[in-house]
N, C-alpha and C. Protein backbone atom coordinates (compact mmCIF):
# COMPACT_ATOMS: atom_id res chain seq x y z
N MET A 1 -23.39 -12.86 -34.48
CA MET A 1 -24.50 -12.34 -33.68
C MET A 1 -24.02 -12.02 -32.27
N GLN A 2 -24.46 -10.89 -31.74
CA GLN A 2 -24.04 -10.48 -30.40
C GLN A 2 -24.88 -11.20 -29.36
N LYS A 3 -24.23 -11.51 -28.24
CA LYS A 3 -24.93 -12.22 -27.17
C LYS A 3 -25.86 -11.27 -26.41
N LYS A 4 -26.95 -11.83 -25.88
CA LYS A 4 -27.91 -11.04 -25.09
C LYS A 4 -27.36 -10.91 -23.68
N LEU A 5 -27.46 -9.69 -23.14
CA LEU A 5 -26.99 -9.43 -21.80
C LEU A 5 -28.17 -9.13 -20.90
N HIS A 6 -28.00 -9.32 -19.60
CA HIS A 6 -29.08 -9.05 -18.66
C HIS A 6 -29.16 -7.57 -18.28
N ILE A 7 -28.16 -6.80 -18.70
CA ILE A 7 -28.11 -5.38 -18.36
C ILE A 7 -27.99 -4.56 -19.64
N LYS A 8 -28.75 -3.46 -19.69
CA LYS A 8 -28.71 -2.55 -20.83
C LYS A 8 -28.38 -1.14 -20.35
N LYS A 9 -28.02 -0.28 -21.29
CA LYS A 9 -27.76 1.13 -20.99
C LYS A 9 -29.04 1.76 -20.45
N GLY A 10 -28.91 2.51 -19.35
CA GLY A 10 -30.06 3.18 -18.75
C GLY A 10 -30.69 2.42 -17.60
N ASP A 11 -30.33 1.14 -17.41
CA ASP A 11 -30.86 0.35 -16.29
C ASP A 11 -30.29 0.85 -14.96
N THR A 12 -31.06 0.66 -13.89
CA THR A 12 -30.54 0.92 -12.55
C THR A 12 -30.04 -0.41 -11.99
N VAL A 13 -28.79 -0.42 -11.55
CA VAL A 13 -28.18 -1.66 -11.07
C VAL A 13 -27.58 -1.45 -9.69
N ILE A 14 -27.31 -2.57 -9.02
CA ILE A 14 -26.62 -2.55 -7.73
C ILE A 14 -25.39 -3.45 -7.85
N VAL A 15 -24.31 -3.05 -7.21
CA VAL A 15 -23.07 -3.84 -7.22
C VAL A 15 -23.19 -4.88 -6.12
N ILE A 16 -23.03 -6.17 -6.47
CA ILE A 16 -23.24 -7.24 -5.49
C ILE A 16 -21.94 -7.75 -4.87
N THR A 17 -20.80 -7.41 -5.45
CA THR A 17 -19.53 -7.85 -4.87
C THR A 17 -18.41 -6.91 -5.32
N GLY A 18 -17.32 -6.94 -4.60
CA GLY A 18 -16.18 -6.10 -4.94
C GLY A 18 -16.06 -4.90 -4.03
N GLU A 19 -15.19 -3.98 -4.39
CA GLU A 19 -14.89 -2.82 -3.55
C GLU A 19 -16.09 -1.87 -3.43
N SER A 20 -16.91 -1.80 -4.46
CA SER A 20 -18.06 -0.89 -4.47
C SER A 20 -19.36 -1.59 -4.08
N LYS A 21 -19.28 -2.69 -3.34
CA LYS A 21 -20.45 -3.50 -2.99
C LYS A 21 -21.54 -2.66 -2.33
N GLY A 22 -22.79 -2.85 -2.79
CA GLY A 22 -23.93 -2.17 -2.20
C GLY A 22 -24.29 -0.85 -2.85
N GLN A 23 -23.44 -0.34 -3.73
CA GLN A 23 -23.72 0.94 -4.37
C GLN A 23 -24.69 0.76 -5.54
N LYS A 24 -25.61 1.74 -5.70
CA LYS A 24 -26.56 1.72 -6.80
C LYS A 24 -26.19 2.81 -7.78
N GLY A 25 -26.55 2.59 -9.04
CA GLY A 25 -26.30 3.61 -10.05
C GLY A 25 -26.95 3.24 -11.37
N ARG A 26 -26.92 4.21 -12.29
CA ARG A 26 -27.50 4.02 -13.62
C ARG A 26 -26.38 3.63 -14.58
N VAL A 27 -26.65 2.67 -15.47
CA VAL A 27 -25.65 2.21 -16.43
C VAL A 27 -25.50 3.27 -17.53
N LEU A 28 -24.26 3.74 -17.72
CA LEU A 28 -23.97 4.76 -18.73
C LEU A 28 -23.55 4.14 -20.05
N GLU A 29 -22.86 2.98 -19.96
CA GLU A 29 -22.29 2.37 -21.16
C GLU A 29 -22.06 0.89 -20.91
N VAL A 30 -22.27 0.06 -21.92
CA VAL A 30 -22.03 -1.39 -21.81
C VAL A 30 -21.06 -1.79 -22.90
N ASN A 31 -19.98 -2.50 -22.52
CA ASN A 31 -19.00 -3.01 -23.47
C ASN A 31 -19.22 -4.51 -23.61
N ARG A 32 -19.82 -4.94 -24.71
CA ARG A 32 -20.16 -6.35 -24.92
C ARG A 32 -18.92 -7.22 -25.09
N ASP A 33 -17.88 -6.67 -25.72
CA ASP A 33 -16.67 -7.45 -25.99
C ASP A 33 -15.96 -7.86 -24.70
N LYS A 34 -15.90 -6.94 -23.73
CA LYS A 34 -15.19 -7.20 -22.48
C LYS A 34 -16.11 -7.60 -21.33
N ASN A 35 -17.44 -7.66 -21.58
CA ASN A 35 -18.43 -7.98 -20.53
C ASN A 35 -18.32 -7.02 -19.35
N LYS A 36 -18.21 -5.73 -19.65
CA LYS A 36 -18.09 -4.72 -18.60
C LYS A 36 -19.07 -3.59 -18.85
N ALA A 37 -19.39 -2.86 -17.77
CA ALA A 37 -20.29 -1.72 -17.87
C ALA A 37 -19.76 -0.59 -17.01
N ILE A 38 -20.03 0.64 -17.44
CA ILE A 38 -19.68 1.81 -16.65
C ILE A 38 -20.96 2.28 -15.97
N VAL A 39 -20.90 2.36 -14.62
CA VAL A 39 -22.07 2.72 -13.82
C VAL A 39 -21.81 4.07 -13.17
N GLU A 40 -22.82 4.94 -13.22
CA GLU A 40 -22.71 6.30 -12.71
C GLU A 40 -22.43 6.31 -11.20
N GLY A 41 -21.31 6.92 -10.81
CA GLY A 41 -20.96 7.07 -9.40
C GLY A 41 -20.40 5.83 -8.73
N VAL A 42 -20.10 4.79 -9.48
CA VAL A 42 -19.61 3.53 -8.92
C VAL A 42 -18.20 3.25 -9.45
N ASN A 43 -17.33 2.69 -8.60
CA ASN A 43 -15.97 2.30 -8.97
C ASN A 43 -15.18 3.51 -9.47
N LEU A 44 -15.16 4.58 -8.67
CA LEU A 44 -14.44 5.80 -9.04
C LEU A 44 -12.94 5.61 -8.88
N VAL A 45 -12.18 6.07 -9.87
CA VAL A 45 -10.73 6.02 -9.82
C VAL A 45 -10.20 7.43 -10.04
N SER A 46 -8.99 7.70 -9.52
CA SER A 46 -8.35 9.00 -9.71
C SER A 46 -7.50 8.96 -10.97
N LYS A 47 -7.69 9.93 -11.84
CA LYS A 47 -6.94 10.00 -13.09
C LYS A 47 -6.18 11.31 -13.12
N HIS A 48 -4.88 11.22 -13.36
CA HIS A 48 -4.03 12.41 -13.45
C HIS A 48 -4.11 12.95 -14.88
N THR A 49 -4.43 14.25 -15.01
CA THR A 49 -4.56 14.83 -16.34
C THR A 49 -3.68 16.06 -16.48
N LYS A 50 -3.16 16.22 -17.70
CA LYS A 50 -2.41 17.44 -18.04
C LYS A 50 -3.42 18.53 -18.36
N PRO A 51 -3.04 19.79 -18.24
CA PRO A 51 -3.96 20.87 -18.62
C PRO A 51 -4.36 20.75 -20.10
N ASN A 52 -5.67 20.85 -20.35
CA ASN A 52 -6.18 20.82 -21.72
C ASN A 52 -7.43 21.70 -21.79
N ALA A 53 -8.11 21.71 -22.93
CA ALA A 53 -9.28 22.58 -23.11
C ALA A 53 -10.41 22.21 -22.14
N LYS A 54 -10.58 20.92 -21.88
CA LYS A 54 -11.65 20.47 -20.98
C LYS A 54 -11.33 20.78 -19.52
N ALA A 55 -10.07 20.55 -19.14
CA ALA A 55 -9.63 20.82 -17.77
C ALA A 55 -8.43 21.77 -17.85
N PRO A 56 -8.67 23.10 -17.90
CA PRO A 56 -7.55 24.04 -18.08
C PRO A 56 -6.54 24.00 -16.94
N GLN A 57 -6.99 23.63 -15.74
CA GLN A 57 -6.09 23.56 -14.59
C GLN A 57 -5.31 22.25 -14.58
N GLY A 58 -5.88 21.18 -15.15
CA GLY A 58 -5.24 19.87 -15.07
C GLY A 58 -5.45 19.29 -13.69
N GLY A 59 -4.59 18.38 -13.25
CA GLY A 59 -4.66 17.82 -11.90
C GLY A 59 -5.31 16.45 -11.87
N ILE A 60 -5.88 16.12 -10.72
CA ILE A 60 -6.46 14.79 -10.49
C ILE A 60 -7.98 14.89 -10.61
N ILE A 61 -8.56 14.06 -11.47
CA ILE A 61 -10.03 14.02 -11.60
C ILE A 61 -10.53 12.63 -11.25
N LYS A 62 -11.75 12.57 -10.73
CA LYS A 62 -12.39 11.29 -10.41
C LYS A 62 -13.20 10.85 -11.62
N LYS A 63 -13.08 9.56 -11.97
CA LYS A 63 -13.73 9.03 -13.17
C LYS A 63 -14.23 7.62 -12.88
N GLU A 64 -15.37 7.24 -13.48
CA GLU A 64 -15.90 5.89 -13.31
C GLU A 64 -15.10 4.90 -14.14
N ALA A 65 -14.72 3.78 -13.52
CA ALA A 65 -14.03 2.70 -14.23
C ALA A 65 -15.04 1.59 -14.50
N PRO A 66 -14.81 0.75 -15.52
CA PRO A 66 -15.75 -0.32 -15.83
C PRO A 66 -15.85 -1.36 -14.72
N VAL A 67 -17.04 -1.94 -14.57
CA VAL A 67 -17.30 -3.01 -13.61
C VAL A 67 -17.75 -4.23 -14.41
N HIS A 68 -17.29 -5.43 -14.04
CA HIS A 68 -17.68 -6.64 -14.75
C HIS A 68 -19.17 -6.90 -14.55
N LEU A 69 -19.83 -7.37 -15.61
CA LEU A 69 -21.28 -7.58 -15.56
C LEU A 69 -21.69 -8.61 -14.52
N SER A 70 -20.82 -9.56 -14.21
CA SER A 70 -21.16 -10.58 -13.20
C SER A 70 -21.24 -9.98 -11.81
N ASN A 71 -20.69 -8.77 -11.61
CA ASN A 71 -20.73 -8.11 -10.31
C ASN A 71 -21.93 -7.17 -10.18
N LEU A 72 -22.75 -7.10 -11.22
CA LEU A 72 -23.91 -6.21 -11.23
C LEU A 72 -25.20 -7.00 -11.25
N MET A 73 -26.23 -6.45 -10.59
CA MET A 73 -27.54 -7.07 -10.58
C MET A 73 -28.58 -5.97 -10.79
N LEU A 74 -29.55 -6.24 -11.64
CA LEU A 74 -30.58 -5.25 -11.95
C LEU A 74 -31.47 -5.01 -10.74
N VAL A 75 -31.90 -3.76 -10.54
CA VAL A 75 -32.81 -3.41 -9.45
C VAL A 75 -34.24 -3.51 -9.98
N ASP A 76 -35.10 -4.25 -9.26
CA ASP A 76 -36.50 -4.42 -9.64
C ASP A 76 -37.20 -3.07 -9.59
N PRO A 77 -37.89 -2.66 -10.68
CA PRO A 77 -38.52 -1.34 -10.69
C PRO A 77 -39.66 -1.18 -9.68
N THR A 78 -40.31 -2.27 -9.28
CA THR A 78 -41.43 -2.16 -8.35
C THR A 78 -40.99 -2.24 -6.89
N THR A 79 -40.10 -3.19 -6.57
CA THR A 79 -39.70 -3.38 -5.16
C THR A 79 -38.45 -2.59 -4.79
N GLY A 80 -37.60 -2.28 -5.77
CA GLY A 80 -36.36 -1.55 -5.48
C GLY A 80 -35.26 -2.45 -4.95
N LYS A 81 -35.45 -3.77 -5.06
CA LYS A 81 -34.45 -4.73 -4.59
C LYS A 81 -33.81 -5.43 -5.79
N PRO A 82 -32.61 -6.01 -5.61
CA PRO A 82 -31.95 -6.71 -6.71
C PRO A 82 -32.77 -7.92 -7.16
N THR A 83 -32.75 -8.17 -8.46
CA THR A 83 -33.50 -9.28 -9.02
C THR A 83 -32.76 -9.92 -10.18
N ARG A 84 -33.08 -11.19 -10.42
CA ARG A 84 -32.55 -11.85 -11.61
C ARG A 84 -33.49 -11.54 -12.78
N ILE A 85 -32.99 -11.79 -13.99
CA ILE A 85 -33.73 -11.45 -15.20
C ILE A 85 -34.12 -12.72 -15.93
N GLY A 86 -35.35 -12.71 -16.46
CA GLY A 86 -35.80 -13.80 -17.33
C GLY A 86 -36.22 -13.20 -18.66
N ARG A 87 -36.34 -14.04 -19.68
CA ARG A 87 -36.81 -13.58 -20.98
C ARG A 87 -37.98 -14.45 -21.41
N LYS A 88 -38.99 -13.80 -21.99
CA LYS A 88 -40.14 -14.54 -22.52
C LYS A 88 -40.72 -13.78 -23.70
N LEU A 89 -41.50 -14.49 -24.52
CA LEU A 89 -42.16 -13.87 -25.67
C LEU A 89 -43.46 -13.24 -25.22
N ASN A 90 -43.72 -12.01 -25.69
CA ASN A 90 -45.00 -11.37 -25.37
C ASN A 90 -46.01 -11.68 -26.47
N GLU A 91 -47.18 -11.02 -26.45
CA GLU A 91 -48.25 -11.32 -27.39
C GLU A 91 -47.83 -11.10 -28.85
N SER A 92 -46.98 -10.10 -29.08
CA SER A 92 -46.56 -9.80 -30.45
C SER A 92 -45.28 -10.56 -30.84
N GLU A 93 -45.01 -11.69 -30.16
CA GLU A 93 -43.86 -12.55 -30.46
C GLU A 93 -42.53 -11.81 -30.37
N LYS A 94 -42.43 -10.87 -29.44
CA LYS A 94 -41.19 -10.13 -29.22
C LYS A 94 -40.62 -10.56 -27.88
N LEU A 95 -39.29 -10.76 -27.84
CA LEU A 95 -38.62 -11.20 -26.62
C LEU A 95 -38.50 -10.02 -25.66
N ILE A 96 -39.02 -10.18 -24.45
CA ILE A 96 -38.96 -9.11 -23.45
C ILE A 96 -38.25 -9.61 -22.20
N ARG A 97 -37.68 -8.68 -21.44
CA ARG A 97 -37.06 -9.01 -20.15
C ARG A 97 -38.10 -8.83 -19.05
N TYR A 98 -38.05 -9.73 -18.06
CA TYR A 98 -38.95 -9.57 -16.91
C TYR A 98 -38.20 -9.90 -15.63
N SER A 99 -38.70 -9.35 -14.53
CA SER A 99 -38.09 -9.54 -13.22
C SER A 99 -38.53 -10.88 -12.65
N LYS A 100 -37.59 -11.69 -12.19
CA LYS A 100 -37.92 -12.99 -11.60
C LYS A 100 -38.55 -12.80 -10.23
N LYS A 101 -38.25 -11.67 -9.55
CA LYS A 101 -38.76 -11.44 -8.21
C LYS A 101 -40.24 -11.05 -8.24
N SER A 102 -40.61 -10.08 -9.10
CA SER A 102 -42.00 -9.60 -9.11
C SER A 102 -42.78 -10.07 -10.34
N GLY A 103 -42.10 -10.54 -11.37
CA GLY A 103 -42.76 -10.96 -12.58
C GLY A 103 -43.11 -9.82 -13.52
N GLU A 104 -42.75 -8.58 -13.15
CA GLU A 104 -43.06 -7.41 -13.96
C GLU A 104 -42.12 -7.31 -15.17
N GLU A 105 -42.64 -6.75 -16.24
CA GLU A 105 -41.84 -6.51 -17.44
C GLU A 105 -40.88 -5.35 -17.18
N ILE A 106 -39.66 -5.47 -17.71
CA ILE A 106 -38.65 -4.42 -17.54
C ILE A 106 -38.54 -3.67 -18.86
N LYS A 107 -38.77 -2.37 -18.79
CA LYS A 107 -38.72 -1.54 -20.01
C LYS A 107 -37.30 -1.29 -20.41
């Protein structure tokens, strides 16, 4: 069984520590095995590429590198500030995520 994570694809997160501290972005991909996520516009690295069909000129391109999940915090949809995540059962006995800061359900 796969472990439950506090961050999912499509969430808006903020980086709380590291070189990209304070940057916000949308999660593009989550790697459960390595506990890392790729966030849009965060932790950009330069990658040298040979000319190919995608980049006919080749050269240096900027690309997002994975960030460890412990360095990311979900942004509360109502307040726009970082928040911790809780889980609780709703009326239909389904486990949902909610914001500890505002108590709102996170879609």
